[in-house]
């Protein structure tokens, strides 16, 4: 599966899987960006990202942690 900036939920799930020890409340948007572009399935234009997209990834990750899924 190829991940793009539009795949916010899938990115959040993958980041959660790869960084289980991280307290989501301490994660910065810069960390989300850095970790996302390092994902092996991520393939998108880096210039297309903005803080709104990164925040949606953060929110999706936060929600997953809250619901424990």
Protein backbone atom coordinates (compact mmCIF):
# COMPACT_ATOMS: atom_id res chain seq x y z
CA UNK A 1 0.00 0.00 0.00
CA UNK A 2 1.36 3.41 -0.95
CA UNK A 3 0.94 6.18 1.60
CA UNK A 4 0.40 9.80 0.57
CA UNK A 5 -0.39 12.95 2.52
CA UNK A 6 -4.07 12.14 1.96
CA UNK A 7 -3.62 8.83 3.84
CA UNK A 8 -3.66 10.53 7.24
CA UNK A 9 -5.39 7.70 9.10
CA UNK A 10 -3.16 5.00 7.62
CA UNK A 11 -0.08 7.10 8.38
CA UNK A 12 -1.26 7.57 11.97
CA UNK A 13 -1.75 3.82 12.40
CA UNK A 14 1.69 3.08 11.01
CA UNK A 15 3.36 5.72 13.19
CA UNK A 16 1.55 4.34 16.23
CA UNK A 17 2.76 0.83 15.34
CA UNK A 18 6.36 1.95 14.80
CA UNK A 19 6.53 4.22 17.86
CA UNK A 20 4.53 2.45 20.59
CA UNK A 21 6.66 3.90 23.39
CA UNK A 22 5.92 7.51 22.42
CA UNK A 23 3.56 9.62 24.48
CA UNK A 24 1.42 11.20 21.76
CA UNK A 25 0.98 14.34 23.85
CA UNK A 26 4.74 14.97 23.57
CA UNK A 27 4.93 14.47 19.79
CA UNK A 28 5.54 17.54 17.67
CA UNK A 29 4.38 18.19 14.13
CA UNK A 30 8.04 18.16 13.08
CA UNK A 31 8.42 14.65 14.49
CA UNK A 32 5.31 13.52 12.64
CA UNK A 33 6.75 14.95 9.43
CA UNK A 34 10.16 13.35 9.98
CA UNK A 35 8.73 9.95 10.84
CA UNK A 36 6.19 10.02 8.02
CA UNK A 37 8.69 10.70 5.26
CA UNK A 38 10.82 7.82 6.56
CA UNK A 39 7.98 5.29 6.25
CA UNK A 40 8.89 2.70 3.63
CA UNK A 41 5.44 2.93 2.00
CA UNK A 42 5.35 6.72 1.89
CA UNK A 43 5.51 8.14 -1.63
CA UNK A 44 4.37 11.72 -2.10
CA UNK A 45 5.69 15.15 -2.92
CA UNK A 46 7.23 16.58 0.25
CA UNK A 47 6.28 20.09 -0.81
CA UNK A 48 2.56 19.25 -0.58
CA UNK A 49 2.51 18.95 3.21
CA UNK A 50 1.37 21.67 5.58
CA UNK A 51 0.65 21.97 9.29
CA UNK A 52 -3.03 21.16 8.76
CA UNK A 53 -2.18 17.75 7.27
CA UNK A 54 0.32 17.00 10.01
CA UNK A 55 -2.23 18.00 12.64
CA UNK A 56 -4.82 15.63 11.15
CA UNK A 57 -2.27 12.80 11.38
CA UNK A 58 -1.67 13.81 15.01
CA UNK A 59 -5.43 13.84 15.72
CA UNK A 60 -5.92 10.41 14.12
CA UNK A 61 -3.05 8.99 16.19
CA UNK A 62 -4.37 10.64 19.35
CA UNK A 63 -7.88 9.24 18.76
CA UNK A 64 -6.50 5.75 18.21
CA UNK A 65 -4.63 5.97 21.50
CA UNK A 66 -7.70 7.24 23.33
CA UNK A 67 -9.83 4.38 22.05
CA UNK A 68 -7.11 1.79 22.48
CA UNK A 69 -7.73 0.19 19.12
